[in-house]
Protein backbone atom coordinates (compact mmCIF):
# COMPACT_ATOMS: atom_id res chain seq x y z
CA MET A 1 5.66 -10.61 -0.24
CA LYS A 2 6.72 -14.20 0.39
CA ILE A 3 4.95 -17.12 -1.29
CA LEU A 4 3.58 -18.38 2.07
CA CYS A 5 1.90 -15.00 2.65
CA LYS A 6 0.35 -15.15 -0.83
CA ILE A 7 -1.05 -18.63 -0.16
CA PHE A 8 -2.03 -18.46 3.53
CA GLY A 9 -2.12 -14.72 4.25
CA HIS A 10 0.04 -12.64 6.57
CA LEU A 11 0.98 -13.73 10.08
CA PRO A 12 -0.41 -11.72 12.99
CA PRO A 13 2.24 -9.88 15.02
CA VAL A 14 2.05 -12.35 17.93
CA TYR A 15 4.34 -14.60 15.88
CA ALA A 16 7.03 -11.92 15.62
CA LYS A 17 10.49 -12.57 17.02
CA LYS A 18 10.27 -12.02 20.75
CA GLY A 19 12.10 -9.01 22.13
CA TRP A 20 12.38 -7.26 25.48
CA TYR A 21 8.57 -7.00 25.80
CA SER A 22 6.23 -9.81 26.81
CA PRO A 23 4.95 -12.23 24.16
CA GLY A 24 1.57 -11.14 22.77
CA GLU A 25 2.28 -7.45 23.42
CA GLU A 26 3.69 -6.52 20.02
CA TYR A 27 2.93 -3.05 18.66
CA ALA A 28 0.53 -2.09 15.88
CA LYS A 29 -0.48 1.28 14.39
CA VAL A 30 -3.88 2.93 14.24
CA ASP A 31 -4.34 4.43 10.77
CA SER A 32 -4.78 8.21 10.86
CA ASN A 33 -7.77 7.99 8.48
CA ILE A 34 -10.57 7.94 11.09
CA VAL A 35 -14.11 7.93 9.69
CA THR A 36 -17.36 8.84 11.49
CA ASP A 37 -20.50 7.09 10.26
CA GLY A 38 -24.07 8.44 10.16
CA ILE A 39 -24.84 7.57 13.79
CA GLY A 40 -21.68 9.18 15.19
CA CYS A 41 -19.60 6.02 15.65
CA ARG A 42 -15.90 6.54 14.81
CA HIS A 43 -14.08 3.80 12.88
CA ALA A 44 -10.36 3.23 12.37
CA ILE A 45 -8.03 0.59 10.91
CA VAL A 46 -5.20 -1.09 12.84
CA LYS A 47 -2.14 -1.98 10.75
CA SER A 48 0.81 -4.16 11.61
CA GLU A 49 3.94 -5.57 10.01
CA CYS A 50 3.93 -9.22 8.97
CA PRO A 51 6.77 -11.00 10.81
CA ARG A 52 7.24 -13.36 7.86
CA CYS A 53 7.58 -10.94 4.93
CA GLY A 54 7.85 -7.52 6.59
CA GLU A 55 4.95 -5.99 4.62
CA GLU A 56 2.46 -3.75 6.45
CA PHE A 57 -1.11 -5.10 6.32
CA LYS A 58 -4.56 -4.40 7.78
CA LEU A 59 -4.83 -6.30 11.06
CA CYS A 60 -8.38 -5.29 12.01
CA ARG A 61 -11.00 -2.55 12.04
CA ILE A 62 -12.03 -0.98 15.36
CA HIS A 63 -14.68 1.29 16.84
CA LEU A 64 -13.10 4.19 18.73
CA PRO A 65 -14.51 5.24 22.10
CA ASP A 66 -16.14 8.64 22.49
């Protein structure tokens, strides 16, 4: 992990080096550990790679559709 990531946190993938795809359309991964809560709502974690240090980190948590 780079010192800037330790101080300010990881960069979201929109700051990654631009490739053949459109800016803002970088890929992320949905974690395979999907949890269902007591009212039947399914939760998952989206992970991405930091463009600054290359470490994978938790980007956000999501509710999965039925």
